[in-house]
Amino acid sequence: LPQWLIDLRQAIEAQDQPLSKRLAHTLKGSLRQFGTAAAT
């Protein structure tokens, strides 16, 4: 998680569309497996 969040923050700040989308997608998948609203 910590590295994911660092990478995602940097991707968003850099306005890197493919990377920020991919990282958000990965995070969503992990959050979803815990049935958490954070996945939304």
Full PDB file with SEQRES, HELIX, SHEET, SSBOND, CRYST1, ORIGX, SCALE, CONECT and MASTER records, all heavy atoms in Angstrom:
SEQRES   1 A   40  LEU PRO GLN TRP LEU ILE ASP LEU ARG GLN ALA ILE GLU          
SEQRES   2 A   40  ALA GLN ASP GLN PRO LEU SER LYS ARG LEU ALA HIS THR          
SEQRES   3 A   40  LEU LYS GLY SER LEU ARG GLN PHE GLY THR ALA ALA ALA          
SEQRES   4 A   40  THR                                                          
HELIX    1 AA1 PRO A    2  GLU A   13  1                                  12    
HELIX    2 AA2 GLN A   17  GLN A   33  1                                  17    
HELIX    3 AA3 ALA A   37  ALA A   39  5                                   3    
CRYST1    1.000    1.000    1.000  90.00  90.00  90.00 P 1           1          
ORIGX1      1.000000  0.000000  0.000000        0.00000                         
ORIGX2      0.000000  1.000000  0.000000        0.00000                         
ORIGX3      0.000000  0.000000  1.000000        0.00000                         
SCALE1      1.000000  0.000000  0.000000        0.00000                         
SCALE2      0.000000  1.000000  0.000000        0.00000                         
SCALE3      0.000000  0.000000  1.000000        0.00000                         
ATOM      1  N   LEU A   1       0.777  -1.235   0.000  1.00  0.00           N  
ATOM      2  CA  LEU A   1       0.000   0.000   0.000  1.00  0.00           C  
ATOM      3  C   LEU A   1       0.815   1.296   0.000  1.00  0.00           C  
ATOM      4  O   LEU A   1       0.565   2.170  -0.839  1.00  0.00           O  
ATOM      5  CB  LEU A   1      -0.968  -0.038   1.190  1.00  0.00           C  
ATOM      6  CG  LEU A   1      -2.055   1.013   1.238  1.00  0.00           C  
ATOM      7  CD1 LEU A   1      -2.911   0.974  -0.025  1.00  0.00           C  
ATOM      8  CD2 LEU A   1      -2.925   0.796   2.465  1.00  0.00           C  
ATOM      9  N   PRO A   2       1.796   1.449   0.898  1.00  0.00           N  
ATOM     10  CA  PRO A   2       2.520   2.727   0.927  1.00  0.00           C  
ATOM     11  C   PRO A   2       3.136   3.093  -0.419  1.00  0.00           C  
ATOM     12  O   PRO A   2       3.017   4.233  -0.868  1.00  0.00           O  
ATOM     13  CB  PRO A   2       3.594   2.510   1.994  1.00  0.00           C  
ATOM     14  CG  PRO A   2       3.045   1.431   2.869  1.00  0.00           C  
ATOM     15  CD  PRO A   2       2.258   0.533   1.958  1.00  0.00           C  
ATOM     16  N   GLN A   3       3.762   2.114  -1.082  1.00  0.00           N  
ATOM     17  CA  GLN A   3       4.396   2.392  -2.370  1.00  0.00           C  
ATOM     18  C   GLN A   3       3.360   2.682  -3.447  1.00  0.00           C  
ATOM     19  O   GLN A   3       3.549   3.572  -4.275  1.00  0.00           O  
ATOM     20  CB  GLN A   3       5.294   1.221  -2.793  1.00  0.00           C  
ATOM     21  CG  GLN A   3       6.207   1.548  -3.962  1.00  0.00           C  
ATOM     22  CD  GLN A   3       7.148   2.718  -3.665  1.00  0.00           C  
ATOM     23  OE1 GLN A   3       7.839   2.717  -2.652  1.00  0.00           O  
ATOM     24  NE2 GLN A   3       7.161   3.732  -4.521  1.00  0.00           N  
ATOM     25  N   TRP A   4       2.263   1.944  -3.428  1.00  0.00           N  
ATOM     26  CA  TRP A   4       1.172   2.195  -4.375  1.00  0.00           C  
ATOM     27  C   TRP A   4       0.697   3.639  -4.276  1.00  0.00           C  
ATOM     28  O   TRP A   4       0.492   4.298  -5.284  1.00  0.00           O  
ATOM     29  CB  TRP A   4      -0.024   1.309  -4.045  1.00  0.00           C  
ATOM     30  CG  TRP A   4      -0.099   0.027  -4.802  1.00  0.00           C  
ATOM     31  CD1 TRP A   4       0.575  -0.300  -5.953  1.00  0.00           C  
ATOM     32  CD2 TRP A   4      -0.904  -1.103  -4.465  1.00  0.00           C  
ATOM     33  NE1 TRP A   4       0.230  -1.575  -6.342  1.00  0.00           N  
ATOM     34  CE2 TRP A   4      -0.667  -2.085  -5.456  1.00  0.00           C  
ATOM     35  CE3 TRP A   4      -1.798  -1.383  -3.429  1.00  0.00           C  
ATOM     36  CZ2 TRP A   4      -1.298  -3.324  -5.441  1.00  0.00           C  
ATOM     37  CZ3 TRP A   4      -2.426  -2.612  -3.410  1.00  0.00           C  
ATOM     38  CH2 TRP A   4      -2.182  -3.575  -4.393  1.00  0.00           C  
ATOM     39  N   LEU A   5       0.502   4.097  -3.038  1.00  0.00           N  
ATOM     40  CA  LEU A   5      -0.025   5.451  -2.833  1.00  0.00           C  
ATOM     41  C   LEU A   5       0.982   6.506  -3.295  1.00  0.00           C  
ATOM     42  O   LEU A   5       0.594   7.501  -3.905  1.00  0.00           O  
ATOM     43  CB  LEU A   5      -0.415   5.662  -1.369  1.00  0.00           C  
ATOM     44  CG  LEU A   5      -1.645   4.867  -0.908  1.00  0.00           C  
ATOM     45  CD1 LEU A   5      -1.851   5.020   0.587  1.00  0.00           C  
ATOM     46  CD2 LEU A   5      -2.895   5.263  -1.682  1.00  0.00           C  
ATOM     47  N   ILE A   6       2.262   6.266  -3.036  1.00  0.00           N  
ATOM     48  CA  ILE A   6       3.311   7.187  -3.498  1.00  0.00           C  
ATOM     49  C   ILE A   6       3.308   7.239  -5.027  1.00  0.00           C  
ATOM     50  O   ILE A   6       3.298   8.319  -5.632  1.00  0.00           O  
ATOM     51  CB  ILE A   6       4.702   6.751  -2.969  1.00  0.00           C  
ATOM     52  CG1 ILE A   6       4.793   6.992  -1.455  1.00  0.00           C  
ATOM     53  CG2 ILE A   6       5.816   7.496  -3.709  1.00  0.00           C  
ATOM     54  CD1 ILE A   6       5.966   6.293  -0.789  1.00  0.00           C  
ATOM     55  N   ASP A   7       3.293   6.063  -5.657  1.00  0.00           N  
ATOM     56  CA  ASP A   7       3.326   5.988  -7.120  1.00  0.00           C  
ATOM     57  C   ASP A   7       2.094   6.641  -7.735  1.00  0.00           C  
ATOM     58  O   ASP A   7       2.192   7.353  -8.741  1.00  0.00           O  
ATOM     59  CB  ASP A   7       3.415   4.527  -7.581  1.00  0.00           C  
ATOM     60  CG  ASP A   7       4.757   3.876  -7.228  1.00  0.00           C  
ATOM     61  OD1 ASP A   7       5.692   4.611  -6.851  1.00  0.00           O  
ATOM     62  OD2 ASP A   7       4.854   2.643  -7.333  1.00  0.00           O  
ATOM     63  N   LEU A   8       0.952   6.389  -7.117  1.00  0.00           N  
ATOM     64  CA  LEU A   8      -0.300   6.930  -7.650  1.00  0.00           C  
ATOM     65  C   LEU A   8      -0.323   8.447  -7.518  1.00  0.00           C  
ATOM     66  O   LEU A   8      -0.695   9.152  -8.456  1.00  0.00           O  
ATOM     67  CB  LEU A   8      -1.491   6.295  -6.922  1.00  0.00           C  
ATOM     68  CG  LEU A   8      -2.892   6.697  -7.380  1.00  0.00           C  
ATOM     69  CD1 LEU A   8      -3.073   6.537  -8.886  1.00  0.00           C  
ATOM     70  CD2 LEU A   8      -3.949   5.887  -6.628  1.00  0.00           C  
ATOM     71  N   ARG A   9       0.109   8.958  -6.357  1.00  0.00           N  
ATOM     72  CA  ARG A   9       0.162  10.408  -6.167  1.00  0.00           C  
ATOM     73  C   ARG A   9       1.064  11.056  -7.227  1.00  0.00           C  
ATOM     74  O   ARG A   9       0.704  12.059  -7.844  1.00  0.00           O  
ATOM     75  CB  ARG A   9       0.683  10.747  -4.769  1.00  0.00           C  
ATOM     76  CG  ARG A   9       0.789  12.247  -4.509  1.00  0.00           C  
ATOM     77  CD  ARG A   9       1.639  12.557  -3.288  1.00  0.00           C  
ATOM     78  NE  ARG A   9       1.043  12.062  -2.061  1.00  0.00           N  
ATOM     79  CZ  ARG A   9       0.130  12.739  -1.357  1.00  0.00           C  
ATOM     80  NH1 ARG A   9      -0.312  13.906  -1.778  1.00  0.00           N  
ATOM     81  NH2 ARG A   9      -0.352  12.242  -0.244  1.00  0.00           N  
ATOM     82  N   GLN A  10       2.221  10.443  -7.452  1.00  0.00           N  
ATOM     83  CA  GLN A  10       3.176  10.996  -8.424  1.00  0.00           C  
ATOM     84  C   GLN A  10       2.613  10.938  -9.847  1.00  0.00           C  
ATOM     85  O   GLN A  10       2.786  11.876 -10.619  1.00  0.00           O  
ATOM     86  CB  GLN A  10       4.514  10.256  -8.336  1.00  0.00           C  
ATOM     87  CG  GLN A  10       5.283  10.615  -7.074  1.00  0.00           C  
ATOM     88  CD  GLN A  10       6.541   9.784  -6.888  1.00  0.00           C  
ATOM     89  OE1 GLN A  10       6.714   8.732  -7.509  1.00  0.00           O  
ATOM     90  NE2 GLN A  10       7.422  10.253  -6.021  1.00  0.00           N  
ATOM     91  N   ALA A  11       1.922   9.844 -10.167  1.00  0.00           N  
ATOM     92  CA  ALA A  11       1.336   9.692 -11.502  1.00  0.00           C  
ATOM     93  C   ALA A  11       0.268  10.755 -11.749  1.00  0.00           C  
ATOM     94  O   ALA A  11       0.189  11.334 -12.838  1.00  0.00           O  
ATOM     95  CB  ALA A  11       0.744   8.297 -11.668  1.00  0.00           C  
ATOM     96  N   ILE A  12      -0.528  11.032 -10.716  1.00  0.00           N  
ATOM     97  CA  ILE A  12      -1.574  12.058 -10.839  1.00  0.00           C  
ATOM     98  C   ILE A  12      -0.936  13.434 -10.974  1.00  0.00           C  
ATOM     99  O   ILE A  12      -1.331  14.230 -11.832  1.00  0.00           O  
ATOM    100  CB  ILE A  12      -2.546  12.004  -9.641  1.00  0.00           C  
ATOM    101  CG1 ILE A  12      -3.351  10.695  -9.670  1.00  0.00           C  
ATOM    102  CG2 ILE A  12      -3.490  13.203  -9.646  1.00  0.00           C  
ATOM    103  CD1 ILE A  12      -4.120  10.401  -8.392  1.00  0.00           C  
ATOM    104  N   GLU A  13       0.056  13.704 -10.129  1.00  0.00           N  
ATOM    105  CA  GLU A  13       0.738  15.016 -10.188  1.00  0.00           C  
ATOM    106  C   GLU A  13       1.401  15.222 -11.550  1.00  0.00           C  
ATOM    107  O   GLU A  13       1.422  16.336 -12.069  1.00  0.00           O  
ATOM    108  CB  GLU A  13       1.763  15.139  -9.055  1.00  0.00           C  
ATOM    109  CG  GLU A  13       1.105  15.403  -7.708  1.00  0.00           C  
ATOM    110  CD  GLU A  13       2.075  15.344  -6.537  1.00  0.00           C  
ATOM    111  OE1 GLU A  13       3.283  15.043  -6.751  1.00  0.00           O  
ATOM    112  OE2 GLU A  13       1.632  15.599  -5.401  1.00  0.00           O  
ATOM    113  N   ALA A  14       1.938  14.140 -12.118  1.00  0.00           N  
ATOM    114  CA  ALA A  14       2.596  14.222 -13.427  1.00  0.00           C  
ATOM    115  C   ALA A  14       1.572  14.200 -14.568  1.00  0.00           C  
ATOM    116  O   ALA A  14       1.949  14.307 -15.737  1.00  0.00           O  
ATOM    117  CB  ALA A  14       3.576  13.064 -13.588  1.00  0.00           C  
ATOM    118  N   GLN A  15       0.304  14.036 -14.205  1.00  0.00           N  
ATOM    119  CA  GLN A  15      -0.786  13.921 -15.187  1.00  0.00           C  
ATOM    120  C   GLN A  15      -0.476  12.819 -16.203  1.00  0.00           C  
ATOM    121  O   GLN A  15      -0.687  12.969 -17.401  1.00  0.00           O  
ATOM    122  CB  GLN A  15      -1.064  15.270 -15.859  1.00  0.00           C  
ATOM    123  CG  GLN A  15      -1.425  16.339 -14.839  1.00  0.00           C  
ATOM    124  CD  GLN A  15      -2.148  17.540 -15.450  1.00  0.00           C  
ATOM    125  OE1 GLN A  15      -2.285  17.659 -16.663  1.00  0.00           O  
ATOM    126  NE2 GLN A  15      -2.631  18.423 -14.599  1.00  0.00           N  
ATOM    127  N   ASP A  16       0.039  11.705 -15.660  1.00  0.00           N  
ATOM    128  CA  ASP A  16       0.348  10.527 -16.468  1.00  0.00           C  
ATOM    129  C   ASP A  16      -0.926   9.687 -16.543  1.00  0.00           C  
ATOM    130  O   ASP A  16      -1.229   8.913 -15.630  1.00  0.00           O  
ATOM    131  CB  ASP A  16       1.494   9.753 -15.797  1.00  0.00           C  
ATOM    132  CG  ASP A  16       1.936   8.539 -16.605  1.00  0.00           C  
ATOM    133  OD1 ASP A  16       1.088   7.937 -17.299  1.00  0.00           O  
ATOM    134  OD2 ASP A  16       3.123   8.180 -16.512  1.00  0.00           O  
ATOM    135  N   GLN A  17      -1.671   9.846 -17.625  1.00  0.00           N  
ATOM    136  CA  GLN A  17      -2.977   9.205 -17.755  1.00  0.00           C  
ATOM    137  C   GLN A  17      -2.901   7.672 -17.684  1.00  0.00           C  
ATOM    138  O   GLN A  17      -3.589   7.060 -16.865  1.00  0.00           O  
ATOM    139  CB  GLN A  17      -3.682   9.686 -19.040  1.00  0.00           C  
ATOM    140  CG  GLN A  17      -5.139   9.262 -19.154  1.00  0.00           C  
ATOM    141  CD  GLN A  17      -5.323   7.956 -19.914  1.00  0.00           C  
ATOM    142  OE1 GLN A  17      -4.403   7.429 -20.526  1.00  0.00           O  
ATOM    143  NE2 GLN A  17      -6.513   7.401 -19.840  1.00  0.00           N  
ATOM    144  N   PRO A  18      -2.050   7.009 -18.498  1.00  0.00           N  
ATOM    145  CA  PRO A  18      -2.046   5.541 -18.452  1.00  0.00           C  
ATOM    146  C   PRO A  18      -1.614   4.973 -17.101  1.00  0.00           C  
ATOM    147  O   PRO A  18      -2.221   4.035 -16.603  1.00  0.00           O  
ATOM    148  CB  PRO A  18      -1.041   5.141 -19.546  1.00  0.00           C  
ATOM    149  CG  PRO A  18      -0.720   6.366 -20.304  1.00  0.00           C  
ATOM    150  CD  PRO A  18      -1.125   7.551 -19.492  1.00  0.00           C  
ATOM    151  N   LEU A  19      -0.592   5.572 -16.506  1.00  0.00           N  
ATOM    152  CA  LEU A  19      -0.073   5.048 -15.242  1.00  0.00           C  
ATOM    153  C   LEU A  19      -1.058   5.297 -14.102  1.00  0.00           C  
ATOM    154  O   LEU A  19      -1.322   4.391 -13.299  1.00  0.00           O  
ATOM    155  CB  LEU A  19       1.289   5.671 -14.913  1.00  0.00           C  
ATOM    156  CG  LEU A  19       1.959   5.148 -13.641  1.00  0.00           C  
ATOM    157  CD1 LEU A  19       2.178   3.637 -13.721  1.00  0.00           C  
ATOM    158  CD2 LEU A  19       3.286   5.865 -13.393  1.00  0.00           C  
ATOM    159  N   SER A  20      -1.625   6.490 -14.025  1.00  0.00           N  
ATOM    160  CA  SER A  20      -2.555   6.773 -12.926  1.00  0.00           C  
ATOM    161  C   SER A  20      -3.801   5.895 -13.040  1.00  0.00           C  
ATOM    162  O   SER A  20      -4.308   5.383 -12.045  1.00  0.00           O  
ATOM    163  CB  SER A  20      -2.914   8.263 -12.852  1.00  0.00           C  
ATOM    164  OG  SER A  20      -3.373   8.741 -14.088  1.00  0.00           O  
ATOM    165  N   LYS A  21      -4.251   5.658 -14.259  1.00  0.00           N  
ATOM    166  CA  LYS A  21      -5.413   4.787 -14.470  1.00  0.00           C  
ATOM    167  C   LYS A  21      -5.085   3.353 -14.032  1.00  0.00           C  
ATOM    168  O   LYS A  21      -5.864   2.711 -13.322  1.00  0.00           O  
ATOM    169  CB  LYS A  21      -5.837   4.801 -15.944  1.00  0.00           C  
ATOM    170  CG  LYS A  21      -7.013   3.892 -16.252  1.00  0.00           C  
ATOM    171  CD  LYS A  21      -7.276   3.815 -17.749  1.00  0.00           C  
ATOM    172  CE  LYS A  21      -8.474   2.951 -18.081  1.00  0.00           C  
ATOM    173  NZ  LYS A  21      -8.442   1.611 -17.510  1.00  0.00           N  
ATOM    174  N   ARG A  22      -3.913   2.876 -14.437  1.00  0.00           N  
ATOM    175  CA  ARG A  22      -3.532   1.489 -14.117  1.00  0.00           C  
ATOM    176  C   ARG A  22      -3.368   1.291 -12.604  1.00  0.00           C  
ATOM    177  O   ARG A  22      -3.838   0.296 -12.037  1.00  0.00           O  
ATOM    178  CB  ARG A  22      -2.226   1.122 -14.841  1.00  0.00           C  
ATOM    179  CG  ARG A  22      -1.821  -0.337 -14.659  1.00  0.00           C  
ATOM    180  CD  ARG A  22      -0.724  -0.740 -15.614  1.00  0.00           C  
ATOM    181  NE  ARG A  22       0.483   0.052 -15.503  1.00  0.00           N  
ATOM    182  CZ  ARG A  22       1.388  -0.087 -14.528  1.00  0.00           C  
ATOM    183  NH1 ARG A  22       1.219  -0.979 -13.574  1.00  0.00           N  
ATOM    184  NH2 ARG A  22       2.471   0.658 -14.513  1.00  0.00           N  
ATOM    185  N   LEU A  23      -2.716   2.245 -11.945  1.00  0.00           N  
ATOM    186  CA  LEU A  23      -2.506   2.137 -10.500  1.00  0.00           C  
ATOM    187  C   LEU A  23      -3.833   2.212  -9.746  1.00  0.00           C  
ATOM    188  O   LEU A  23      -4.052   1.463  -8.790  1.00  0.00           O  
ATOM    189  CB  LEU A  23      -1.542   3.223 -10.013  1.00  0.00           C  
ATOM    190  CG  LEU A  23      -0.082   3.045 -10.431  1.00  0.00           C  
ATOM    191  CD1 LEU A  23       0.696   4.326 -10.188  1.00  0.00           C  
ATOM    192  CD2 LEU A  23       0.562   1.879  -9.678  1.00  0.00           C  
ATOM    193  N   ALA A  24      -4.709   3.115 -10.180  1.00  0.00           N  
ATOM    194  CA  ALA A  24      -6.024   3.231  -9.539  1.00  0.00           C  
ATOM    195  C   ALA A  24      -6.812   1.933  -9.723  1.00  0.00           C  
ATOM    196  O   ALA A  24      -7.491   1.472  -8.809  1.00  0.00           O  
ATOM    197  CB  ALA A  24      -6.796   4.416 -10.112  1.00  0.00           C  
ATOM    198  N   HIS A  25      -6.676   1.338 -10.902  1.00  0.00           N  
ATOM    199  CA  HIS A  25      -7.377   0.082 -11.205  1.00  0.00           C  
ATOM    200  C   HIS A  25      -6.882  -1.049 -10.293  1.00  0.00           C  
ATOM    201  O   HIS A  25      -7.685  -1.822  -9.747  1.00  0.00           O  
ATOM    202  CB  HIS A  25      -7.159  -0.283 -12.678  1.00  0.00           C  
ATOM    203  CG  HIS A  25      -7.852  -1.541 -13.076  1.00  0.00           C  
ATOM    204  ND1 HIS A  25      -9.207  -1.575 -13.359  1.00  0.00           N  
ATOM    205  CD2 HIS A  25      -7.406  -2.812 -13.209  1.00  0.00           C  
ATOM    206  CE1 HIS A  25      -9.546  -2.827 -13.664  1.00  0.00           C  
ATOM    207  NE2 HIS A  25      -8.474  -3.589 -13.587  1.00  0.00           N  
ATOM    208  N   THR A  26      -5.578  -1.133 -10.118  1.00  0.00           N  
ATOM    209  CA  THR A  26      -4.968  -2.158  -9.257  1.00  0.00           C  
ATOM    210  C   THR A  26      -5.442  -2.001  -7.819  1.00  0.00           C  
ATOM    211  O   THR A  26      -5.822  -2.971  -7.156  1.00  0.00           O  
ATOM    212  CB  THR A  26      -3.427  -2.046  -9.302  1.00  0.00           C  
ATOM    213  OG1 THR A  26      -3.001  -2.143 -10.662  1.00  0.00           O  
ATOM    214  CG2 THR A  26      -2.765  -3.140  -8.493  1.00  0.00           C  
ATOM    215  N   LEU A  27      -5.422  -0.758  -7.355  1.00  0.00           N  
ATOM    216  CA  LEU A  27      -5.836  -0.457  -5.989  1.00  0.00           C  
ATOM    217  C   LEU A  27      -7.310  -0.798  -5.799  1.00  0.00           C  
ATOM    218  O   LEU A  27      -7.695  -1.386  -4.793  1.00  0.00           O  
ATOM    219  CB  LEU A  27      -5.569   1.024  -5.712  1.00  0.00           C  
ATOM    220  CG  LEU A  27      -5.482   1.490  -4.275  1.00  0.00           C  
ATOM    221  CD1 LEU A  27      -4.574   0.600  -3.441  1.00  0.00           C  
ATOM    222  CD2 LEU A  27      -4.970   2.934  -4.234  1.00  0.00           C  
ATOM    223  N   LYS A  28      -8.127  -0.459  -6.790  1.00  0.00           N  
ATOM    224  CA  LYS A  28      -9.559  -0.760  -6.742  1.00  0.00           C  
ATOM    225  C   LYS A  28      -9.774  -2.263  -6.575  1.00  0.00           C  
ATOM    226  O   LYS A  28     -10.566  -2.691  -5.743  1.00  0.00           O  
ATOM    227  CB  LYS A  28     -10.248  -0.263  -8.013  1.00  0.00           C  
ATOM    228  CG  LYS A  28     -11.738  -0.609  -8.086  1.00  0.00           C  
ATOM    229  CD  LYS A  28     -12.313  -0.288  -9.448  1.00  0.00           C  
ATOM    230  CE  LYS A  28     -11.817  -1.274 -10.497  1.00  0.00           C  
ATOM    231  NZ  LYS A  28     -12.331  -0.963 -11.851  1.00  0.00           N  
ATOM    232  N   GLY A  29      -9.039  -3.054  -7.358  1.00  0.00           N  
ATOM    233  CA  GLY A  29      -9.170  -4.511  -7.280  1.00  0.00           C  
ATOM    234  C   GLY A  29      -8.832  -5.047  -5.903  1.00  0.00           C  
ATOM    235  O   GLY A  29      -9.543  -5.909  -5.366  1.00  0.00           O  
ATOM    236  N   SER A  30      -7.779  -4.522  -5.304  1.00  0.00           N  
ATOM    237  CA  SER A  30      -7.381  -4.968  -3.964  1.00  0.00           C  
ATOM    238  C   SER A  30      -8.399  -4.546  -2.918  1.00  0.00           C  
ATOM    239  O   SER A  30      -8.732  -5.322  -2.028  1.00  0.00           O  
ATOM    240  CB  SER A  30      -6.011  -4.406  -3.599  1.00  0.00           C  
ATOM    241  OG  SER A  30      -5.031  -5.080  -4.334  1.00  0.00           O  
ATOM    242  N   LEU A  31      -8.884  -3.314  -3.026  1.00  0.00           N  
ATOM    243  CA  LEU A  31      -9.872  -2.832  -2.055  1.00  0.00           C  
ATOM    244  C   LEU A  31     -11.174  -3.613  -2.185  1.00  0.00           C  
ATOM    245  O   LEU A  31     -11.831  -3.915  -1.196  1.00  0.00           O  
ATOM    246  CB  LEU A  31     -10.122  -1.337  -2.263  1.00  0.00           C  
ATOM    247  CG  LEU A  31      -8.967  -0.429  -1.845  1.00  0.00           C  
ATOM    248  CD1 LEU A  31      -9.161   0.970  -2.390  1.00  0.00           C  
ATOM    249  CD2 LEU A  31      -8.811  -0.398  -0.331  1.00  0.00           C  
ATOM    250  N   ARG A  32     -11.528  -3.948  -3.406  1.00  0.00           N  
ATOM    251  CA  ARG A  32     -12.773  -4.671  -3.661  1.00  0.00           C  
ATOM    252  C   ARG A  32     -12.749  -6.049  -3.001  1.00  0.00           C  
ATOM    253  O   ARG A  32     -13.768  -6.529  -2.523  1.00  0.00           O  
ATOM    254  CB  ARG A  32     -13.001  -4.794  -5.167  1.00  0.00           C  
ATOM    255  CG  ARG A  32     -14.381  -5.290  -5.518  1.00  0.00           C  
ATOM    256  CD  ARG A  32     -14.685  -5.045  -6.969  1.00  0.00           C  
ATOM    257  NE  ARG A  32     -15.160  -3.689  -7.188  1.00  0.00           N  
ATOM    258  CZ  ARG A  32     -15.188  -3.075  -8.371  1.00  0.00           C  
ATOM    259  NH1 ARG A  32     -14.725  -3.688  -9.441  1.00  0.00           N  
ATOM    260  NH2 ARG A  32     -15.656  -1.852  -8.484  1.00  0.00           N  
ATOM    261  N   GLN A  33     -11.596  -6.697  -2.958  1.00  0.00           N  
ATOM    262  CA  GLN A  33     -11.549  -8.035  -2.368  1.00  0.00           C  
ATOM    263  C   GLN A  33     -11.838  -8.009  -0.866  1.00  0.00           C  
ATOM    264  O   GLN A  33     -12.190  -9.019  -0.284  1.00  0.00           O  
ATOM    265  CB  GLN A  33     -10.224  -8.744  -2.664  1.00  0.00           C  
ATOM    266  CG  GLN A  33      -9.038  -8.236  -1.911  1.00  0.00           C  
ATOM    267  CD  GLN A  33      -7.730  -8.890  -2.346  1.00  0.00           C  
ATOM    268  OE1 GLN A  33      -7.702  -9.714  -3.242  1.00  0.00           O  
ATOM    269  NE2 GLN A  33      -6.659  -8.509  -1.697  1.00  0.00           N  
ATOM    270  N   PHE A  34     -11.725  -6.821  -0.255  1.00  0.00           N  
ATOM    271  CA  PHE A  34     -12.067  -6.686   1.168  1.00  0.00           C  
ATOM    272  C   PHE A  34     -13.480  -6.131   1.350  1.00  0.00           C  
ATOM    273  O   PHE A  34     -13.886  -5.793   2.456  1.00  0.00           O  
ATOM    274  CB  PHE A  34     -11.051  -5.796   1.892  1.00  0.00           C  
ATOM    275  CG  PHE A  34      -9.656  -6.324   1.809  1.00  0.00           C  
ATOM    276  CD1 PHE A  34      -8.642  -5.588   1.235  1.00  0.00           C  
ATOM    277  CD2 PHE A  34      -9.346  -7.589   2.294  1.00  0.00           C  
ATOM    278  CE1 PHE A  34      -7.347  -6.084   1.133  1.00  0.00           C  
ATOM    279  CE2 PHE A  34      -8.055  -8.103   2.198  1.00  0.00           C  
ATOM    280  CZ  PHE A  34      -7.060  -7.346   1.624  1.00  0.00           C  
ATOM    281  N   GLY A  35     -14.219  -6.034   0.254  1.00  0.00           N  
ATOM    282  CA  GLY A  35     -15.600  -5.595   0.332  1.00  0.00           C  
ATOM    283  C   GLY A  35     -15.742  -4.216   0.953  1.00  0.00           C  
ATOM    284  O   GLY A  35     -16.668  -3.951   1.711  1.00  0.00           O  
ATOM    285  N   THR A  36     -14.807  -3.332   0.633  1.00  0.00           N  
ATOM    286  CA  THR A  36     -14.807  -2.015   1.255  1.00  0.00           C  
ATOM    287  C   THR A  36     -15.312  -0.928   0.315  1.00  0.00           C  
ATOM    288  O   THR A  36     -15.069  -0.977  -0.890  1.00  0.00           O  
ATOM    289  CB  THR A  36     -13.403  -1.648   1.770  1.00  0.00           C  
ATOM    290  OG1 THR A  36     -13.372  -0.253   2.068  1.00  0.00           O  
ATOM    291  CG2 THR A  36     -12.339  -1.924   0.736  1.00  0.00           C  
ATOM    292  N   ALA A  37     -16.000   0.049   0.903  1.00  0.00           N  
ATOM    293  CA  ALA A  37     -16.536   1.169   0.124  1.00  0.00           C  
ATOM    294  C   ALA A  37     -15.417   1.996  -0.513  1.00  0.00           C  
ATOM    295  O   ALA A  37     -15.653   2.706  -1.489  1.00  0.00           O  
ATOM    296  CB  ALA A  37     -17.406   2.055   1.012  1.00  0.00           C  
ATOM    297  N   ALA A  38     -14.214   1.904   0.021  1.00  0.00           N  
ATOM    298  CA  ALA A  38     -13.084   2.636  -0.563  1.00  0.00           C  
ATOM    299  C   ALA A  38     -12.847   2.203  -2.009  1.00  0.00           C  
ATOM    300  O   ALA A  38     -12.309   2.965  -2.811  1.00  0.00           O  
ATOM    301  CB  ALA A  38     -11.818   2.424   0.273  1.00  0.00           C  
ATOM    302  N   ALA A  39     -13.301   1.005  -2.369  1.00  0.00           N  
ATOM    303  CA  ALA A  39     -13.182   0.534  -3.752  1.00  0.00           C  
ATOM    304  C   ALA A  39     -13.975   1.446  -4.691  1.00  0.00           C  
ATOM    305  O   ALA A  39     -13.565   1.673  -5.834  1.00  0.00           O  
ATOM    306  CB  ALA A  39     -13.679  -0.910  -3.869  1.00  0.00           C  
ATOM    307  N   THR A  40     -15.084   1.975  -4.202  1.00  0.00           N  
ATOM    308  CA  THR A  40     -15.910   2.890  -5.007  1.00  0.00           C  
ATOM    309  C   THR A  40     -15.156   4.190  -5.268  1.00  0.00           C  
ATOM    310  O   THR A  40     -15.207   4.730  -6.374  1.00  0.00           O  
ATOM    311  CB  THR A  40     -17.242   3.182  -4.279  1.00  0.00           C  
ATOM    312  OG1 THR A  40     -17.831   1.935  -3.919  1.00  0.00           O  
ATOM    313  CG2 THR A  40     -18.202   3.954  -5.154  1.00  0.00           C  
TER     314      THR A  40                                                      
MASTER        0    0    0    3    0    0    0    6  313    1    0    4          
END                                                                             
